[in-house]
Amino acid sequence: MRAAFLERFGGPEVIQYGELPDPPIGPRRVLVRVAAVAVNPIDTYIRGGAFKIAAPLPYIVGRDLAGTVVEVG
């Protein structure tokens, strides 16, 4: 899959765009073919380290999306 992601937290320069492995589909998860995504203020706070979360790296930027469900776990 293609994604905007972070391998470390910091300024806008840490955002990368490229290929990542498809995530595993387990119980209570769905795989979505994304048509559009939005990055909102909380995403910028997380990226910059101002809002601490327990996030595995690479961290995929953007949580608001529209698309088609292609697989259900």
N, C-alpha and C. Protein backbone atom coordinates (compact mmCIF):
# COMPACT_ATOMS: atom_id res chain seq x y z
N MET A 1 0.84 -1.17 0.00
CA MET A 1 0.00 0.00 0.00
C MET A 1 0.88 1.23 0.00
N ARG A 2 0.38 2.31 -0.54
CA ARG A 2 1.08 3.59 -0.49
C ARG A 2 0.52 4.40 0.67
N ALA A 3 1.41 5.09 1.38
CA ALA A 3 0.97 5.86 2.53
C ALA A 3 1.94 7.00 2.82
N ALA A 4 1.43 8.04 3.47
CA ALA A 4 2.27 9.06 4.09
C ALA A 4 2.55 8.53 5.50
N PHE A 5 3.83 8.48 5.88
CA PHE A 5 4.16 7.87 7.16
C PHE A 5 5.38 8.53 7.78
N LEU A 6 5.59 8.21 9.06
CA LEU A 6 6.72 8.72 9.82
C LEU A 6 7.53 7.54 10.32
N GLU A 7 8.84 7.64 10.25
CA GLU A 7 9.72 6.66 10.89
C GLU A 7 10.31 7.24 12.17
N ARG A 8 10.08 8.54 12.39
CA ARG A 8 10.43 9.23 13.63
C ARG A 8 9.53 10.46 13.71
N PHE A 9 9.40 11.00 14.90
CA PHE A 9 8.55 12.17 15.09
C PHE A 9 9.40 13.43 14.98
N GLY A 10 8.79 14.52 14.48
CA GLY A 10 9.52 15.76 14.30
C GLY A 10 8.75 16.72 13.42
N GLY A 11 9.47 17.59 12.73
CA GLY A 11 8.87 18.59 11.86
C GLY A 11 8.31 17.98 10.58
N PRO A 12 7.75 18.82 9.72
CA PRO A 12 7.15 18.33 8.47
C PRO A 12 8.12 17.55 7.59
N GLU A 13 9.43 17.82 7.75
CA GLU A 13 10.43 17.13 6.93
C GLU A 13 10.52 15.63 7.21
N VAL A 14 9.94 15.14 8.33
CA VAL A 14 10.03 13.71 8.64
C VAL A 14 8.94 12.90 7.92
N ILE A 15 7.98 13.57 7.30
CA ILE A 15 6.91 12.86 6.58
C ILE A 15 7.49 12.26 5.31
N GLN A 16 7.25 10.97 5.13
CA GLN A 16 7.68 10.27 3.92
C GLN A 16 6.43 9.75 3.20
N TYR A 17 6.56 9.48 1.93
CA TYR A 17 5.48 8.90 1.15
C TYR A 17 6.06 7.75 0.36
N GLY A 18 5.43 6.58 0.48
CA GLY A 18 5.94 5.44 -0.26
C GLY A 18 5.17 4.18 0.05
N GLU A 19 5.77 3.06 -0.30
CA GLU A 19 5.14 1.75 -0.13
C GLU A 19 5.40 1.19 1.27
N LEU A 20 4.35 0.63 1.86
CA LEU A 20 4.43 -0.11 3.11
C LEU A 20 3.71 -1.44 2.90
N PRO A 21 4.03 -2.46 3.70
CA PRO A 21 3.30 -3.73 3.58
C PRO A 21 1.83 -3.53 3.94
N ASP A 22 0.95 -4.31 3.31
CA ASP A 22 -0.46 -4.28 3.69
C ASP A 22 -0.58 -4.73 5.14
N PRO A 23 -1.44 -4.07 5.92
CA PRO A 23 -1.60 -4.47 7.32
C PRO A 23 -2.33 -5.81 7.42
N PRO A 24 -2.06 -6.58 8.48
CA PRO A 24 -2.80 -7.84 8.66
C PRO A 24 -4.26 -7.55 9.01
N ILE A 25 -5.16 -8.40 8.53
CA ILE A 25 -6.58 -8.24 8.81
C ILE A 25 -6.97 -9.29 9.85
N GLY A 26 -7.30 -8.82 11.03
CA GLY A 26 -7.68 -9.71 12.12
C GLY A 26 -9.09 -9.40 12.58
N PRO A 27 -9.50 -10.00 13.67
CA PRO A 27 -10.84 -9.73 14.20
C PRO A 27 -11.04 -8.25 14.49
N ARG A 28 -12.23 -7.76 14.20
CA ARG A 28 -12.60 -6.37 14.46
C ARG A 28 -11.81 -5.38 13.61
N ARG A 29 -11.29 -5.82 12.48
CA ARG A 29 -10.55 -4.95 11.57
C ARG A 29 -11.12 -5.07 10.16
N VAL A 30 -10.92 -4.02 9.37
CA VAL A 30 -11.31 -4.05 7.96
C VAL A 30 -10.18 -3.47 7.13
N LEU A 31 -10.10 -3.91 5.89
CA LEU A 31 -9.16 -3.34 4.93
C LEU A 31 -9.96 -2.45 4.00
N VAL A 32 -9.51 -1.20 3.85
CA VAL A 32 -10.24 -0.21 3.06
C VAL A 32 -9.35 0.26 1.91
N ARG A 33 -9.90 0.26 0.70
CA ARG A 33 -9.22 0.89 -0.43
C ARG A 33 -9.56 2.37 -0.33
N VAL A 34 -8.60 3.17 0.02
CA VAL A 34 -8.82 4.59 0.32
C VAL A 34 -8.92 5.41 -0.95
N ALA A 35 -9.96 6.24 -1.01
CA ALA A 35 -10.15 7.15 -2.13
C ALA A 35 -9.69 8.56 -1.78
N ALA A 36 -9.85 8.96 -0.52
CA ALA A 36 -9.44 10.29 -0.06
C ALA A 36 -9.11 10.21 1.42
N VAL A 37 -8.15 11.02 1.83
CA VAL A 37 -7.75 11.08 3.24
C VAL A 37 -7.52 12.53 3.64
N ALA A 38 -7.76 12.82 4.91
CA ALA A 38 -7.54 14.17 5.42
C ALA A 38 -6.56 14.09 6.59
N VAL A 39 -5.74 15.10 6.70
CA VAL A 39 -4.85 15.26 7.84
C VAL A 39 -5.39 16.44 8.62
N ASN A 40 -5.72 16.21 9.89
CA ASN A 40 -6.29 17.29 10.70
C ASN A 40 -5.29 17.72 11.77
N PRO A 41 -5.62 18.73 12.57
CA PRO A 41 -4.65 19.26 13.53
C PRO A 41 -4.06 18.21 14.48
N ILE A 42 -4.82 17.24 14.94
CA ILE A 42 -4.25 16.25 15.86
C ILE A 42 -3.12 15.47 15.19
N ASP A 43 -3.23 15.23 13.89
CA ASP A 43 -2.15 14.54 13.17
C ASP A 43 -0.85 15.35 13.22
N THR A 44 -0.97 16.67 13.10
CA THR A 44 0.24 17.49 13.15
C THR A 44 0.82 17.53 14.56
N TYR A 45 -0.04 17.50 15.58
CA TYR A 45 0.45 17.46 16.97
C TYR A 45 1.18 16.15 17.25
N ILE A 46 0.62 15.04 16.76
CA ILE A 46 1.27 13.73 16.94
C ILE A 46 2.60 13.72 16.20
N ARG A 47 2.61 14.17 14.95
CA ARG A 47 3.84 14.18 14.16
C ARG A 47 4.94 14.98 14.84
N GLY A 48 4.56 16.12 15.41
CA GLY A 48 5.54 16.99 16.03
C GLY A 48 5.94 16.60 17.44
N GLY A 49 5.25 15.60 18.02
CA GLY A 49 5.57 15.15 19.37
C GLY A 49 4.87 15.92 20.47
N ALA A 50 3.97 16.85 20.12
CA ALA A 50 3.25 17.63 21.13
C ALA A 50 2.14 16.82 21.79
N PHE A 51 1.64 15.80 21.12
CA PHE A 51 0.61 14.93 21.66
C PHE A 51 1.18 13.52 21.65
N LYS A 52 1.55 13.02 22.81
CA LYS A 52 2.22 11.73 22.92
C LYS A 52 1.20 10.59 22.82
N ILE A 53 1.49 9.64 21.95
CA ILE A 53 0.68 8.42 21.86
C ILE A 53 1.64 7.23 21.76
N ALA A 54 1.12 6.07 22.15
CA ALA A 54 1.89 4.84 21.97
C ALA A 54 1.63 4.37 20.55
N ALA A 55 2.51 4.71 19.65
CA ALA A 55 2.31 4.41 18.23
C ALA A 55 3.49 3.63 17.70
N PRO A 56 3.22 2.48 17.09
CA PRO A 56 4.33 1.76 16.45
C PRO A 56 4.80 2.53 15.22
N LEU A 57 6.07 2.43 14.94
CA LEU A 57 6.63 3.05 13.74
C LEU A 57 6.84 1.99 12.67
N PRO A 58 6.59 2.24 11.43
CA PRO A 58 6.20 3.53 10.88
C PRO A 58 4.76 3.89 11.27
N TYR A 59 4.54 5.15 11.56
CA TYR A 59 3.23 5.68 11.93
C TYR A 59 2.61 6.29 10.68
N ILE A 60 1.41 5.85 10.33
CA ILE A 60 0.73 6.35 9.14
C ILE A 60 -0.04 7.61 9.50
N VAL A 61 0.20 8.68 8.76
CA VAL A 61 -0.41 9.98 9.00
C VAL A 61 -1.81 10.02 8.41
N GLY A 62 -2.75 10.61 9.15
CA GLY A 62 -4.12 10.78 8.64
C GLY A 62 -5.05 9.70 9.14
N ARG A 63 -6.14 10.09 9.75
CA ARG A 63 -7.10 9.13 10.29
C ARG A 63 -8.48 9.26 9.66
N ASP A 64 -8.76 10.38 9.05
CA ASP A 64 -10.06 10.60 8.42
C ASP A 64 -9.96 10.17 6.97
N LEU A 65 -10.84 9.24 6.56
CA LEU A 65 -10.74 8.73 5.20
C LEU A 65 -12.10 8.38 4.63
N ALA A 66 -12.12 8.25 3.32
CA ALA A 66 -13.29 7.76 2.59
C ALA A 66 -12.80 6.71 1.62
N GLY A 67 -13.54 5.62 1.50
CA GLY A 67 -13.11 4.57 0.59
C GLY A 67 -14.09 3.42 0.56
N THR A 68 -13.61 2.28 0.09
CA THR A 68 -14.42 1.08 -0.07
C THR A 68 -13.83 -0.04 0.75
N VAL A 69 -14.68 -0.69 1.57
CA VAL A 69 -14.22 -1.84 2.33
C VAL A 69 -14.01 -3.01 1.37
N VAL A 70 -12.79 -3.59 1.40
CA VAL A 70 -12.47 -4.70 0.48
C VAL A 70 -12.30 -6.01 1.21
N GLU A 71 -12.10 -5.98 2.55
CA GLU A 71 -11.95 -7.22 3.30
C GLU A 71 -12.35 -6.97 4.75
N VAL A 72 -13.05 -7.94 5.35
CA VAL A 72 -13.47 -7.85 6.74
C VAL A 72 -12.84 -9.00 7.51
N GLY A 73 -12.25 -8.69 8.67
CA GLY A 73 -11.62 -9.72 9.50
C GLY A 73 -12.61 -10.46 10.35
